[in-house]
Each structure stands twice: as structure tokens, then as C-alpha cells.
Full PDB file with SEQRES, HELIX, SHEET, SSBOND, CRYST1, ORIGX, SCALE, CONECT and MASTER records, all heavy atoms in Angstrom:
SEQRES   1 A   29  LEU MET ASN VAL TRP VAL TYR ASN ARG PRO GLU ASP GLY          
SEQRES   2 A   29  THR ARG ALA ARG ARG PRO LYS ASP LEU ALA GLU PRO GLY          
SEQRES   3 A   29  ARG PRO PRO                                                  
HELIX    1 AA1 PRO A   19  ASP A   21  5                                   3    
CRYST1    1.000    1.000    1.000  90.00  90.00  90.00 P 1           1          
ORIGX1      1.000000  0.000000  0.000000        0.00000                         
ORIGX2      0.000000  1.000000  0.000000        0.00000                         
ORIGX3      0.000000  0.000000  1.000000        0.00000                         
SCALE1      1.000000  0.000000  0.000000        0.00000                         
SCALE2      0.000000  1.000000  0.000000        0.00000                         
SCALE3      0.000000  0.000000  1.000000        0.00000                         
ATOM      1  N   LEU A   1      27.850 101.827 122.946  1.00  0.00           N  
ATOM      2  CA  LEU A   1      27.563 101.296 121.601  1.00  0.00           C  
ATOM      3  C   LEU A   1      28.541 101.936 120.649  1.00  0.00           C  
ATOM      4  O   LEU A   1      28.619 103.132 120.466  1.00  0.00           O  
ATOM      5  CB  LEU A   1      26.141 101.664 121.135  1.00  0.00           C  
ATOM      6  CG  LEU A   1      25.774 101.282 119.665  1.00  0.00           C  
ATOM      7  CD1 LEU A   1      25.798  99.738 119.546  1.00  0.00           C  
ATOM      8  CD2 LEU A   1      24.396 101.824 119.292  1.00  0.00           C  
ATOM      9  N   MET A   2      29.346 101.064 119.980  1.00  0.00           N  
ATOM     10  CA  MET A   2      30.309 101.508 118.975  1.00  0.00           C  
ATOM     11  C   MET A   2      29.730 101.308 117.580  1.00  0.00           C  
ATOM     12  O   MET A   2      29.194 100.218 117.263  1.00  0.00           O  
ATOM     13  CB  MET A   2      31.603 100.779 119.121  1.00  0.00           C  
ATOM     14  CG  MET A   2      32.703 101.295 118.165  1.00  0.00           C  
ATOM     15  SD  MET A   2      34.194 100.250 118.124  1.00  0.00           S  
ATOM     16  CE  MET A   2      34.662 100.313 119.824  1.00  0.00           C  
ATOM     17  N   ASN A   3      29.874 102.350 116.769  1.00  0.00           N  
ATOM     18  CA  ASN A   3      29.439 102.281 115.366  1.00  0.00           C  
ATOM     19  C   ASN A   3      30.636 102.477 114.432  1.00  0.00           C  
ATOM     20  O   ASN A   3      31.484 103.348 114.704  1.00  0.00           O  
ATOM     21  CB  ASN A   3      28.394 103.374 115.011  1.00  0.00           C  
ATOM     22  CG  ASN A   3      27.117 103.207 115.770  1.00  0.00           C  
ATOM     23  OD1 ASN A   3      26.548 102.162 115.780  1.00  0.00           O  
ATOM     24  ND2 ASN A   3      26.629 104.302 116.429  1.00  0.00           N  
ATOM     25  N   VAL A   4      30.772 101.643 113.448  1.00  0.00           N  
ATOM     26  CA  VAL A   4      31.926 101.693 112.547  1.00  0.00           C  
ATOM     27  C   VAL A   4      31.496 101.727 111.091  1.00  0.00           C  
ATOM     28  O   VAL A   4      30.654 100.912 110.639  1.00  0.00           O  
ATOM     29  CB  VAL A   4      32.849 100.477 112.717  1.00  0.00           C  
ATOM     30  CG1 VAL A   4      34.054 100.490 111.811  1.00  0.00           C  
ATOM     31  CG2 VAL A   4      33.319 100.403 114.204  1.00  0.00           C  
ATOM     32  N   TRP A   5      31.961 102.704 110.354  1.00  0.00           N  
ATOM     33  CA  TRP A   5      31.716 102.846 108.914  1.00  0.00           C  
ATOM     34  C   TRP A   5      32.981 102.485 108.206  1.00  0.00           C  
ATOM     35  O   TRP A   5      34.036 103.025 108.523  1.00  0.00           O  
ATOM     36  CB  TRP A   5      31.275 104.277 108.530  1.00  0.00           C  
ATOM     37  CG  TRP A   5      29.915 104.655 109.003  1.00  0.00           C  
ATOM     38  CD1 TRP A   5      28.704 104.523 108.301  1.00  0.00           C  
ATOM     39  CD2 TRP A   5      29.518 105.142 110.296  1.00  0.00           C  
ATOM     40  NE1 TRP A   5      27.640 104.963 109.075  1.00  0.00           N  
ATOM     41  CE2 TRP A   5      28.115 105.363 110.256  1.00  0.00           C  
ATOM     42  CE3 TRP A   5      30.220 105.524 111.421  1.00  0.00           C  
ATOM     43  CZ2 TRP A   5      27.398 105.840 111.356  1.00  0.00           C  
ATOM     44  CZ3 TRP A   5      29.531 105.945 112.575  1.00  0.00           C  
ATOM     45  CH2 TRP A   5      28.143 106.178 112.500  1.00  0.00           C  
ATOM     46  N   VAL A   6      32.895 101.574 107.203  1.00  0.00           N  
ATOM     47  CA  VAL A   6      34.047 101.013 106.519  1.00  0.00           C  
ATOM     48  C   VAL A   6      34.187 101.692 105.179  1.00  0.00           C  
ATOM     49  O   VAL A   6      33.224 101.794 104.417  1.00  0.00           O  
ATOM     50  CB  VAL A   6      33.921  99.487 106.397  1.00  0.00           C  
ATOM     51  CG1 VAL A   6      35.147  98.932 105.719  1.00  0.00           C  
ATOM     52  CG2 VAL A   6      33.700  98.872 107.759  1.00  0.00           C  
ATOM     53  N   TYR A   7      35.438 102.153 104.840  1.00  0.00           N  
ATOM     54  CA  TYR A   7      35.698 102.732 103.529  1.00  0.00           C  
ATOM     55  C   TYR A   7      36.971 102.182 102.951  1.00  0.00           C  
ATOM     56  O   TYR A   7      37.996 102.863 102.904  1.00  0.00           O  
ATOM     57  CB  TYR A   7      35.853 104.308 103.686  1.00  0.00           C  
ATOM     58  CG  TYR A   7      34.666 105.022 104.296  1.00  0.00           C  
ATOM     59  CD1 TYR A   7      34.513 105.228 105.646  1.00  0.00           C  
ATOM     60  CD2 TYR A   7      33.654 105.504 103.452  1.00  0.00           C  
ATOM     61  CE1 TYR A   7      33.437 105.887 106.187  1.00  0.00           C  
ATOM     62  CE2 TYR A   7      32.563 106.199 103.995  1.00  0.00           C  
ATOM     63  CZ  TYR A   7      32.484 106.345 105.375  1.00  0.00           C  
ATOM     64  OH  TYR A   7      31.364 106.989 105.864  1.00  0.00           O  
ATOM     65  N   ASN A   8      36.948 100.952 102.574  1.00  0.00           N  
ATOM     66  CA  ASN A   8      38.081 100.277 102.006  1.00  0.00           C  
ATOM     67  C   ASN A   8      38.095 100.414 100.444  1.00  0.00           C  
ATOM     68  O   ASN A   8      36.973 100.363  99.843  1.00  0.00           O  
ATOM     69  CB  ASN A   8      38.116  98.796 102.338  1.00  0.00           C  
ATOM     70  CG  ASN A   8      38.406  98.569 103.842  1.00  0.00           C  
ATOM     71  OD1 ASN A   8      38.375  99.518 104.639  1.00  0.00           O  
ATOM     72  ND2 ASN A   8      38.677  97.348 104.213  1.00  0.00           N  
ATOM     73  N   ARG A   9      39.186 100.558  99.844  1.00  0.00           N  
ATOM     74  CA  ARG A   9      39.302 100.724  98.374  1.00  0.00           C  
ATOM     75  C   ARG A   9      40.623 100.162  97.856  1.00  0.00           C  
ATOM     76  O   ARG A   9      41.543  99.975  98.593  1.00  0.00           O  
ATOM     77  CB  ARG A   9      39.173 102.239  98.046  1.00  0.00           C  
ATOM     78  CG  ARG A   9      40.304 103.086  98.654  1.00  0.00           C  
ATOM     79  CD  ARG A   9      40.076 104.562  98.255  1.00  0.00           C  
ATOM     80  NE  ARG A   9      40.975 105.453  98.996  1.00  0.00           N  
ATOM     81  CZ  ARG A   9      42.275 105.722  98.693  1.00  0.00           C  
ATOM     82  NH1 ARG A   9      42.794 105.113  97.579  1.00  0.00           N  
ATOM     83  NH2 ARG A   9      42.954 106.531  99.404  1.00  0.00           N  
ATOM     84  N   PRO A  10      40.670  99.952  96.498  1.00  0.00           N  
ATOM     85  CA  PRO A  10      41.949  99.411  95.930  1.00  0.00           C  
ATOM     86  C   PRO A  10      43.053 100.513  95.979  1.00  0.00           C  
ATOM     87  O   PRO A  10      42.815 101.718  96.114  1.00  0.00           O  
ATOM     88  CB  PRO A  10      41.533  99.133  94.474  1.00  0.00           C  
ATOM     89  CG  PRO A  10      40.056  99.101  94.471  1.00  0.00           C  
ATOM     90  CD  PRO A  10      39.582 100.004  95.559  1.00  0.00           C  
ATOM     91  N   GLU A  11      44.269 100.061  95.904  1.00  0.00           N  
ATOM     92  CA  GLU A  11      45.421 100.914  95.868  1.00  0.00           C  
ATOM     93  C   GLU A  11      45.407 101.701  94.550  1.00  0.00           C  
ATOM     94  O   GLU A  11      45.243 101.118  93.459  1.00  0.00           O  
ATOM     95  CB  GLU A  11      46.696 100.106  95.902  1.00  0.00           C  
ATOM     96  CG  GLU A  11      47.989 100.814  95.651  1.00  0.00           C  
ATOM     97  CD  GLU A  11      48.214 101.949  96.645  1.00  0.00           C  
ATOM     98  OE1 GLU A  11      48.231 101.625  97.879  1.00  0.00           O  
ATOM     99  OE2 GLU A  11      48.331 103.102  96.234  1.00  0.00           O  
ATOM    100  N   ASP A  12      45.497 103.049  94.649  1.00  0.00           N  
ATOM    101  CA  ASP A  12      45.441 103.920  93.461  1.00  0.00           C  
ATOM    102  C   ASP A  12      46.580 104.960  93.483  1.00  0.00           C  
ATOM    103  O   ASP A  12      46.527 105.942  92.750  1.00  0.00           O  
ATOM    104  CB  ASP A  12      44.116 104.597  93.288  1.00  0.00           C  
ATOM    105  CG  ASP A  12      43.733 105.501  94.472  1.00  0.00           C  
ATOM    106  OD1 ASP A  12      44.575 105.640  95.408  1.00  0.00           O  
ATOM    107  OD2 ASP A  12      42.649 106.069  94.427  1.00  0.00           O  
ATOM    108  N   GLY A  13      47.528 104.760  94.388  1.00  0.00           N  
ATOM    109  CA  GLY A  13      48.657 105.708  94.476  1.00  0.00           C  
ATOM    110  C   GLY A  13      48.415 106.891  95.431  1.00  0.00           C  
ATOM    111  O   GLY A  13      49.287 107.728  95.568  1.00  0.00           O  
ATOM    112  N   THR A  14      47.257 106.956  96.049  1.00  0.00           N  
ATOM    113  CA  THR A  14      46.982 108.032  96.967  1.00  0.00           C  
ATOM    114  C   THR A  14      46.979 107.510  98.443  1.00  0.00           C  
ATOM    115  O   THR A  14      46.769 106.328  98.667  1.00  0.00           O  
ATOM    116  CB  THR A  14      45.598 108.685  96.697  1.00  0.00           C  
ATOM    117  OG1 THR A  14      44.562 107.689  96.885  1.00  0.00           O  
ATOM    118  CG2 THR A  14      45.519 109.204  95.256  1.00  0.00           C  
ATOM    119  N   ARG A  15      47.226 108.405  99.352  1.00  0.00           N  
ATOM    120  CA  ARG A  15      47.334 108.006 100.785  1.00  0.00           C  
ATOM    121  C   ARG A  15      45.944 107.806 101.314  1.00  0.00           C  
ATOM    122  O   ARG A  15      44.920 108.371 100.844  1.00  0.00           O  
ATOM    123  CB  ARG A  15      47.995 109.117 101.544  1.00  0.00           C  
ATOM    124  CG  ARG A  15      49.469 109.396 101.162  1.00  0.00           C  
ATOM    125  CD  ARG A  15      50.054 110.444 101.978  1.00  0.00           C  
ATOM    126  NE  ARG A  15      50.115 110.113 103.387  1.00  0.00           N  
ATOM    127  CZ  ARG A  15      50.711 110.885 104.388  1.00  0.00           C  
ATOM    128  NH1 ARG A  15      51.229 112.029 104.027  1.00  0.00           N  
ATOM    129  NH2 ARG A  15      50.666 110.452 105.580  1.00  0.00           N  
ATOM    130  N   ALA A  16      45.853 106.969 102.328  1.00  0.00           N  
ATOM    131  CA  ALA A  16      44.584 106.770 102.996  1.00  0.00           C  
ATOM    132  C   ALA A  16      44.122 108.077 103.663  1.00  0.00           C  
ATOM    133  O   ALA A  16      44.916 108.777 104.279  1.00  0.00           O  
ATOM    134  CB  ALA A  16      44.762 105.674 104.090  1.00  0.00           C  
ATOM    135  N   ARG A  17      42.830 108.354 103.445  1.00  0.00           N  
ATOM    136  CA  ARG A  17      42.312 109.573 104.051  1.00  0.00           C  
ATOM    137  C   ARG A  17      42.070 109.422 105.540  1.00  0.00           C  
ATOM    138  O   ARG A  17      41.736 108.371 106.003  1.00  0.00           O  
ATOM    139  CB  ARG A  17      40.960 109.946 103.337  1.00  0.00           C  
ATOM    140  CG  ARG A  17      41.156 110.429 101.920  1.00  0.00           C  
ATOM    141  CD  ARG A  17      39.832 110.820 101.305  1.00  0.00           C  
ATOM    142  NE  ARG A  17      39.029 109.641 101.044  1.00  0.00           N  
ATOM    143  CZ  ARG A  17      37.759 109.674 100.658  1.00  0.00           C  
ATOM    144  NH1 ARG A  17      37.178 110.849 100.481  1.00  0.00           N  
ATOM    145  NH2 ARG A  17      37.096 108.565 100.481  1.00  0.00           N  
ATOM    146  N   ARG A  18      42.269 110.515 106.273  1.00  0.00           N  
ATOM    147  CA  ARG A  18      42.061 110.529 107.660  1.00  0.00           C  
ATOM    148  C   ARG A  18      40.554 110.589 108.008  1.00  0.00           C  
ATOM    149  O   ARG A  18      39.781 111.106 107.152  1.00  0.00           O  
ATOM    150  CB  ARG A  18      42.751 111.664 108.341  1.00  0.00           C  
ATOM    151  CG  ARG A  18      44.314 111.554 108.231  1.00  0.00           C  
ATOM    152  CD  ARG A  18      45.000 112.830 108.730  1.00  0.00           C  
ATOM    153  NE  ARG A  18      44.717 113.945 107.849  1.00  0.00           N  
ATOM    154  CZ  ARG A  18      45.180 115.147 108.054  1.00  0.00           C  
ATOM    155  NH1 ARG A  18      45.972 115.388 109.113  1.00  0.00           N  
ATOM    156  NH2 ARG A  18      44.848 116.089 107.190  1.00  0.00           N  
ATOM    157  N   PRO A  19      40.131 110.162 109.189  1.00  0.00           N  
ATOM    158  CA  PRO A  19      38.680 110.189 109.508  1.00  0.00           C  
ATOM    159  C   PRO A  19      38.116 111.622 109.343  1.00  0.00           C  
ATOM    160  O   PRO A  19      36.986 111.727 108.881  1.00  0.00           O  
ATOM    161  CB  PRO A  19      38.648 109.754 110.940  1.00  0.00           C  
ATOM    162  CG  PRO A  19      39.889 108.858 111.101  1.00  0.00           C  
ATOM    163  CD  PRO A  19      40.909 109.453 110.236  1.00  0.00           C  
ATOM    164  N   LYS A  20      38.837 112.648 109.718  1.00  0.00           N  
ATOM    165  CA  LYS A  20      38.308 113.979 109.662  1.00  0.00           C  
ATOM    166  C   LYS A  20      38.116 114.464 108.226  1.00  0.00           C  
ATOM    167  O   LYS A  20      37.404 115.431 107.962  1.00  0.00           O  
ATOM    168  CB  LYS A  20      39.203 114.958 110.402  1.00  0.00           C  
ATOM    169  CG  LYS A  20      40.553 115.197 109.746  1.00  0.00           C  
ATOM    170  CD  LYS A  20      41.339 116.230 110.580  1.00  0.00           C  
ATOM    171  CE  LYS A  20      42.654 116.597 109.870  1.00  0.00           C  
ATOM    172  NZ  LYS A  20      43.416 117.668 110.601  1.00  0.00           N  
ATOM    173  N   ASP A  21      38.753 113.784 107.240  1.00  0.00           N  
ATOM    174  CA  ASP A  21      38.604 114.159 105.867  1.00  0.00           C  
ATOM    175  C   ASP A  21      37.481 113.445 105.128  1.00  0.00           C  
ATOM    176  O   ASP A  21      37.203 113.708 103.976  1.00  0.00           O  
ATOM    177  CB  ASP A  21      39.938 113.869 105.089  1.00  0.00           C  
ATOM    178  CG  ASP A  21      41.106 114.694 105.606  1.00  0.00           C  
ATOM    179  OD1 ASP A  21      40.846 115.853 106.072  1.00  0.00           O  
ATOM    180  OD2 ASP A  21      42.227 114.166 105.652  1.00  0.00           O  
ATOM    181  N   LEU A  22      36.776 112.610 105.869  1.00  0.00           N  
ATOM    182  CA  LEU A  22      35.666 111.855 105.248  1.00  0.00           C  
ATOM    183  C   LEU A  22      34.388 112.610 105.488  1.00  0.00           C  
ATOM    184  O   LEU A  22      34.188 113.266 106.465  1.00  0.00           O  
ATOM    185  CB  LEU A  22      35.602 110.448 105.896  1.00  0.00           C  
ATOM    186  CG  LEU A  22      36.750 109.525 105.660  1.00  0.00           C  
ATOM    187  CD1 LEU A  22      36.619 108.253 106.477  1.00  0.00           C  
ATOM    188  CD2 LEU A  22      36.937 109.178 104.196  1.00  0.00           C  
ATOM    189  N   ALA A  23      33.522 112.470 104.508  1.00  0.00           N  
ATOM    190  CA  ALA A  23      32.207 113.104 104.605  1.00  0.00           C  
ATOM    191  C   ALA A  23      31.349 112.401 105.673  1.00  0.00           C  
ATOM    192  O   ALA A  23      31.609 111.217 106.034  1.00  0.00           O  
ATOM    193  CB  ALA A  23      31.467 113.035 103.256  1.00  0.00           C  
ATOM    194  N   GLU A  24      30.379 113.094 106.198  1.00  0.00           N  
ATOM    195  CA  GLU A  24      29.432 112.534 107.142  1.00  0.00           C  
ATOM    196  C   GLU A  24      28.778 111.315 106.504  1.00  0.00           C  
ATOM    197  O   GLU A  24      28.336 111.355 105.359  1.00  0.00           O  
ATOM    198  CB  GLU A  24      28.391 113.504 107.585  1.00  0.00           C  
ATOM    199  CG  GLU A  24      28.892 114.582 108.480  1.00  0.00           C  
ATOM    200  CD  GLU A  24      29.282 114.059 109.835  1.00  0.00           C  
ATOM    201  OE1 GLU A  24      28.586 113.142 110.364  1.00  0.00           O  
ATOM    202  OE2 GLU A  24      30.296 114.525 110.355  1.00  0.00           O  
ATOM    203  N   PRO A  25      28.694 110.171 107.190  1.00  0.00           N  
ATOM    204  CA  PRO A  25      28.157 108.972 106.624  1.00  0.00           C  
ATOM    205  C   PRO A  25      26.648 109.179 106.287  1.00  0.00           C  
ATOM    206  O   PRO A  25      25.899 109.703 107.086  1.00  0.00           O  
ATOM    207  CB  PRO A  25      28.320 107.869 107.686  1.00  0.00           C  
ATOM    208  CG  PRO A  25      28.490 108.658 108.965  1.00  0.00           C  
ATOM    209  CD  PRO A  25      29.131 109.940 108.594  1.00  0.00           C  
ATOM    210  N   GLY A  26      26.300 108.755 105.079  1.00  0.00           N  
ATOM    211  CA  GLY A  26      24.901 108.910 104.668  1.00  0.00           C  
ATOM    212  C   GLY A  26      24.212 107.543 104.731  1.00  0.00           C  
ATOM    213  O   GLY A  26      23.125 107.366 104.049  1.00  0.00           O  
ATOM    214  N   ARG A  27      24.714 106.618 105.475  1.00  0.00           N  
ATOM    215  CA  ARG A  27      24.123 105.302 105.584  1.00  0.00           C  
ATOM    216  C   ARG A  27      24.340 104.766 107.022  1.00  0.00           C  
ATOM    217  O   ARG A  27      25.177 105.295 107.768  1.00  0.00           O  
ATOM    218  CB  ARG A  27      24.765 104.315 104.604  1.00  0.00           C  
ATOM    219  CG  ARG A  27      26.303 104.275 104.725  1.00  0.00           C  
ATOM    220  CD  ARG A  27      26.918 103.362 103.648  1.00  0.00           C  
ATOM    221  NE  ARG A  27      28.340 103.381 103.597  1.00  0.00           N  
ATOM    222  CZ  ARG A  27      29.166 102.721 104.400  1.00  0.00           C  
ATOM    223  NH1 ARG A  27      28.633 101.961 105.301  1.00  0.00           N  
ATOM    224  NH2 ARG A  27      30.425 102.835 104.279  1.00  0.00           N  
ATOM    225  N   PRO A  28      23.625 103.729 107.424  1.00  0.00           N  
ATOM    226  CA  PRO A  28      23.803 103.190 108.795  1.00  0.00           C  
ATOM    227  C   PRO A  28      25.253 102.585 108.892  1.00  0.00           C  
ATOM    228  O   PRO A  28      25.867 102.232 107.872  1.00  0.00           O  
ATOM    229  CB  PRO A  28      22.761 102.084 108.852  1.00  0.00           C  
ATOM    230  CG  PRO A  28      21.726 102.474 107.860  1.00  0.00           C  
ATOM    231  CD  PRO A  28      22.513 103.125 106.736  1.00  0.00           C  
ATOM    232  N   PRO A  29      25.724 102.454 110.105  1.00  0.00           N  
ATOM    233  CA  PRO A  29      27.057 101.809 110.250  1.00  0.00           C  
ATOM    234  C   PRO A  29      27.070 100.397 109.761  1.00  0.00           C  
ATOM    235  O   PRO A  29      26.074  99.651 109.913  1.00  0.00           O  
ATOM    236  CB  PRO A  29      27.288 101.889 111.779  1.00  0.00           C  
ATOM    237  CG  PRO A  29      25.914 101.999 112.392  1.00  0.00           C  
ATOM    238  CD  PRO A  29      25.093 102.758 111.419  1.00  0.00           C  
TER     239      PRO A  29                                                      
MASTER        0    0    0    1    0    0    0    6  238    1    0    3          
END                                                                             
């Protein structure tokens, strides 16, 4: 079973964060 959490956002001049830099998901996948 694969679970995927999506974190898409508008371009704001910053680099895309790596998975390890994201907080633990507080919601279902």
C-alpha cells in the first residue's frame, strides 16, 4: 500500500523542499 501526501505551491523564489525537510503529515494521505 502506497500513501502519497501532496504539497504543491505557487512559485515564490524558493527551492522545492526535500521530503526529509517536511513535517510529519497531520492528515490522511
